[in-house]
Amino acid sequence: MPLIPEEPQIHESAQGPRATPASGRVAPTPRPVPGPRPAAPARPGRPGPVRPTPGQRTPRDAAAAKPGTPSAPDAAAASDTPQIQLIPASPDGALDAAEEAVDLLLESGRAPGEVLVITTGEPHPWAAHELSFGEAPYWAQHDAGDDVFYADAAVAERAKPRPVVVVAVNGGPDAAAAQALPLALTRAGALLIVCGDPQRINSLLGAGV
């Protein structure tokens, strides 16, 4: 069946229970709660804006998951086929759409190291910049697994699986996209997001996903 365009959804975490003072004791005047710390500055030489810090789960969120019962992302990761989402975009806008999808994933609580981005056309500026220092330090950052990693479709086979894979069909020959999409399915543990022209993507996949 053809892919149905949709976008990643953000689920807000429920607030934790309020603490109540012990009986017979007067609760002290609460101190002002400091605001959130500013996001860490971008690493030297790395283009692009600073990504927001993922939020933490509240105690109620942790208690909501019963022992032995996997949460929704865990259940998706346990399945053989990841959930697939299609974000319609032109070849020129596919990379921007992929960046927006990554931002939404991080804002919803995904860790940066859980996300892999594959491009079929022009490489992502971050990948081009890091590769200018050589392949060894570039892939060392991939192996560290502490940040979003961007890879060209031609070398994506070397990338290890991650919970979320985002594919930007931002041009390139049909052969590159036809190779990248099935490969992305094998690398995505829970979620695969494809940004590009729906008609082209469905034709490359044979409308079988």
Protein backbone atom coordinates (compact mmCIF):
# COMPACT_ATOMS: atom_id res chain seq x y z
CA MET A 1 0.00 0.00 0.00
CA PRO A 2 1.28 3.57 -0.62
CA LEU A 3 2.77 5.40 2.31
CA ILE A 4 0.42 7.85 4.03
CA PRO A 5 2.13 11.19 4.74
CA GLU A 6 2.34 11.99 8.40
CA GLU A 7 4.62 13.78 10.82
CA PRO A 8 6.24 12.70 14.08
CA GLN A 9 4.06 13.51 17.06
CA ILE A 10 5.22 14.90 20.34
CA HIS A 11 3.71 13.39 23.48
CA GLU A 12 3.80 15.61 26.50
CA SER A 13 4.91 14.01 29.73
CA ALA A 14 2.53 14.16 32.68
CA GLN A 15 3.69 16.19 35.63
CA GLY A 16 4.79 14.37 38.74
CA PRO A 17 2.83 14.43 42.00
CA ARG A 18 3.25 17.41 44.30
CA ALA A 19 5.11 16.84 47.53
CA THR A 20 3.04 17.41 50.70
CA PRO A 21 4.57 18.33 54.07
CA ALA A 22 4.57 15.76 56.87
CA SER A 23 1.72 16.05 59.39
CA GLY A 24 2.44 18.25 62.37
CA ARG A 25 5.30 20.07 60.64
CA VAL A 26 5.17 23.44 59.00
CA ALA A 27 6.40 23.37 55.45
CA PRO A 28 9.24 25.84 54.91
CA THR A 29 8.84 28.57 52.38
CA PRO A 30 9.87 27.07 49.04
CA ARG A 31 12.94 28.51 47.45
CA PRO A 32 12.67 29.91 43.92
CA VAL A 33 13.30 27.19 41.38
CA PRO A 34 16.09 28.17 39.01
CA GLY A 35 15.20 28.25 35.35
CA PRO A 36 16.48 25.71 32.85
CA ARG A 37 20.13 25.82 32.02
CA PRO A 38 21.00 27.22 28.61
CA ALA A 39 21.77 24.68 25.93
CA ALA A 40 25.41 23.76 25.52
CA PRO A 41 27.17 25.72 22.77
CA ALA A 42 27.85 24.02 19.47
CA ARG A 43 31.17 22.31 19.04
CA PRO A 44 33.82 24.41 17.26
CA GLY A 45 33.68 23.99 13.53
CA ARG A 46 30.26 22.34 13.51
CA PRO A 47 27.66 24.21 11.45
CA GLY A 48 24.03 24.44 12.32
CA PRO A 49 22.04 25.70 15.32
CA VAL A 50 22.35 24.28 18.80
CA ARG A 51 19.84 21.50 19.31
CA PRO A 52 17.52 21.57 22.33
CA THR A 53 18.32 19.35 25.27
CA PRO A 54 15.92 16.38 25.50
CA GLY A 55 13.51 16.56 28.42
CA GLN A 56 13.64 14.14 31.32
CA ARG A 57 10.88 11.75 32.29
CA THR A 58 8.95 12.56 35.43
CA PRO A 59 8.54 10.00 38.25
CA ARG A 60 4.92 9.48 37.20
CA ASP A 61 6.06 8.61 33.68
CA ALA A 62 8.46 6.02 35.06
CA ALA A 63 5.80 4.54 37.31
CA ALA A 64 3.30 4.35 34.46
CA ALA A 65 5.36 1.69 32.72
CA LYS A 66 4.66 -1.58 34.50
CA PRO A 67 7.49 -4.09 34.86
CA GLY A 68 7.52 -6.50 31.97
CA THR A 69 5.25 -4.31 29.84
CA PRO A 70 7.20 -2.51 27.09
CA SER A 71 6.35 1.10 26.30
CA ALA A 72 5.27 2.15 22.81
CA PRO A 73 8.81 2.89 21.51
CA ASP A 74 10.14 -0.32 23.06
CA ALA A 75 7.33 -2.35 21.51
CA ALA A 76 8.07 -0.84 18.11
CA ALA A 77 11.77 -1.58 18.51
CA ALA A 78 10.98 -5.18 19.37
CA SER A 79 9.06 -5.71 16.15
CA ASP A 80 10.74 -6.86 12.96
CA THR A 81 9.56 -3.86 10.94
CA PRO A 82 9.89 -0.30 12.26
CA GLN A 83 7.08 2.21 12.08
CA ILE A 84 7.30 4.20 8.84
CA GLN A 85 6.36 7.85 8.43
CA LEU A 86 6.45 9.87 5.22
CA ILE A 87 6.95 13.63 5.19
CA PRO A 88 6.15 15.08 1.74
CA ALA A 89 8.90 17.36 0.46
CA SER A 90 10.51 18.40 -2.80
CA PRO A 91 14.11 17.34 -3.48
CA ASP A 92 15.24 20.86 -2.61
CA GLY A 93 13.27 20.86 0.64
CA ALA A 94 13.84 17.27 1.75
CA LEU A 95 16.93 18.09 3.81
CA ASP A 96 15.16 20.93 5.62
CA ALA A 97 12.22 18.61 6.31
CA ALA A 98 14.62 16.03 7.72
CA GLU A 99 16.19 18.66 9.99
CA GLU A 100 12.75 19.65 11.28
CA ALA A 101 11.94 15.99 11.94
CA VAL A 102 15.18 15.62 13.92
CA ASP A 103 14.34 18.71 15.97
CA LEU A 104 10.91 17.28 16.80
CA LEU A 105 12.45 13.96 17.79
CA LEU A 106 14.90 15.64 20.16
CA GLU A 107 12.20 17.86 21.64
CA SER A 108 10.03 14.79 22.26
CA GLY A 109 12.78 13.17 24.31
CA ARG A 110 14.89 11.21 21.85
CA ALA A 111 18.60 11.26 22.62
CA PRO A 112 20.77 12.65 19.80
CA GLY A 113 22.73 9.41 19.65
CA GLU A 114 19.54 7.52 18.75
CA VAL A 115 19.12 9.27 15.40
CA LEU A 116 20.77 8.51 12.05
CA VAL A 117 20.15 10.74 9.01
CA ILE A 118 20.81 9.45 5.48
CA THR A 119 20.91 11.70 2.42
CA THR A 120 20.57 10.55 -1.20
CA GLY A 121 21.75 13.74 -2.91
CA GLU A 122 24.00 16.48 -1.59
CA PRO A 123 25.56 15.48 1.74
CA HIS A 124 24.49 17.24 4.90
CA PRO A 125 26.74 20.27 5.66
CA TRP A 126 27.83 18.66 8.93
CA ALA A 127 28.94 15.48 7.14
CA ALA A 128 30.80 17.45 4.48
CA HIS A 129 32.54 19.51 7.16
CA GLU A 130 33.56 16.54 9.31
CA LEU A 131 34.77 14.53 6.31
CA SER A 132 37.11 17.39 5.46
CA PHE A 133 39.18 16.24 8.45
CA GLY A 134 39.30 12.66 7.18
CA GLU A 135 37.16 9.54 7.36
CA ALA A 136 38.75 8.23 10.56
CA PRO A 137 37.56 11.05 12.86
CA TYR A 138 34.25 11.17 10.99
CA TRP A 139 33.44 7.52 11.69
CA ALA A 140 34.87 7.81 15.20
CA GLN A 141 32.01 10.19 15.99
CA HIS A 142 29.59 7.61 14.60
CA ASP A 143 31.07 4.90 16.82
CA ALA A 144 30.90 7.19 19.87
CA GLY A 145 27.12 7.34 19.39
CA ASP A 146 26.58 10.50 21.41
CA ASP A 147 25.18 12.76 18.69
CA VAL A 148 23.00 12.76 15.58
CA PHE A 149 25.00 11.22 12.74
CA TYR A 150 24.65 12.21 9.08
CA ALA A 151 25.74 9.86 6.31
CA ASP A 152 25.52 9.77 2.53
CA ALA A 153 23.57 6.90 1.02
CA ALA A 154 26.74 5.65 -0.66
CA VAL A 155 28.39 4.92 2.71
CA ALA A 156 25.31 4.38 4.89
CA GLU A 157 25.81 0.63 4.80
CA ARG A 158 28.70 1.15 7.21
CA ALA A 159 26.43 2.84 9.75
CA LYS A 160 25.23 0.81 12.72
CA PRO A 161 21.51 0.46 13.54
CA ARG A 162 19.87 3.18 15.61
CA PRO A 163 16.35 3.45 17.04
CA VAL A 164 15.39 6.18 14.54
CA VAL A 165 16.54 6.65 10.95
CA VAL A 166 15.61 9.70 8.87
CA VAL A 167 16.08 9.53 5.10
CA ALA A 168 16.20 12.76 3.09
CA VAL A 169 15.51 12.00 -0.57
CA ASN A 170 17.16 15.26 -1.61
CA GLY A 171 18.04 14.38 -5.17
CA GLY A 172 20.63 12.04 -6.55
CA PRO A 173 20.03 9.18 -8.97
CA ASP A 174 17.10 6.84 -8.45
CA ALA A 175 19.59 4.06 -7.78
CA ALA A 176 20.86 5.91 -4.69
CA ALA A 177 17.37 6.31 -3.25
CA ALA A 178 16.41 2.76 -4.20
CA GLN A 179 19.44 1.52 -2.27
CA ALA A 180 19.05 3.87 0.69
CA LEU A 181 15.41 3.10 1.52
CA PRO A 182 15.69 -0.69 2.00
CA LEU A 183 18.98 -0.16 3.84
CA ALA A 184 17.32 2.36 6.16
CA LEU A 185 14.68 -0.24 7.02
CA THR A 186 17.41 -2.56 8.26
CA ARG A 187 19.06 0.20 10.31
CA ALA A 188 15.92 1.63 11.96
CA GLY A 189 15.03 -0.10 15.21
CA ALA A 190 11.74 1.66 16.01
CA LEU A 191 10.99 4.43 13.52
CA LEU A 192 11.85 5.24 9.90
CA ILE A 193 11.05 8.73 8.61
CA VAL A 194 11.32 9.39 4.87
CA CYS A 195 11.33 12.98 3.59
CA GLY A 196 10.75 13.38 -0.13
CA ASP A 197 8.30 13.15 -2.99
CA PRO A 198 5.67 10.52 -2.07
CA GLN A 199 5.10 9.41 -5.67
CA ARG A 200 8.80 8.88 -6.26
CA ILE A 201 9.31 7.10 -2.95
CA ASN A 202 6.38 4.74 -3.51
CA SER A 203 7.56 3.98 -7.02
CA LEU A 204 11.06 3.18 -5.76
CA LEU A 205 9.68 0.91 -3.07
CA GLY A 206 7.14 -0.62 -5.42
CA ALA A 207 4.39 0.58 -3.05
CA GLY A 208 5.16 -2.47 -0.99
CA VAL A 209 5.81 -0.79 2.35
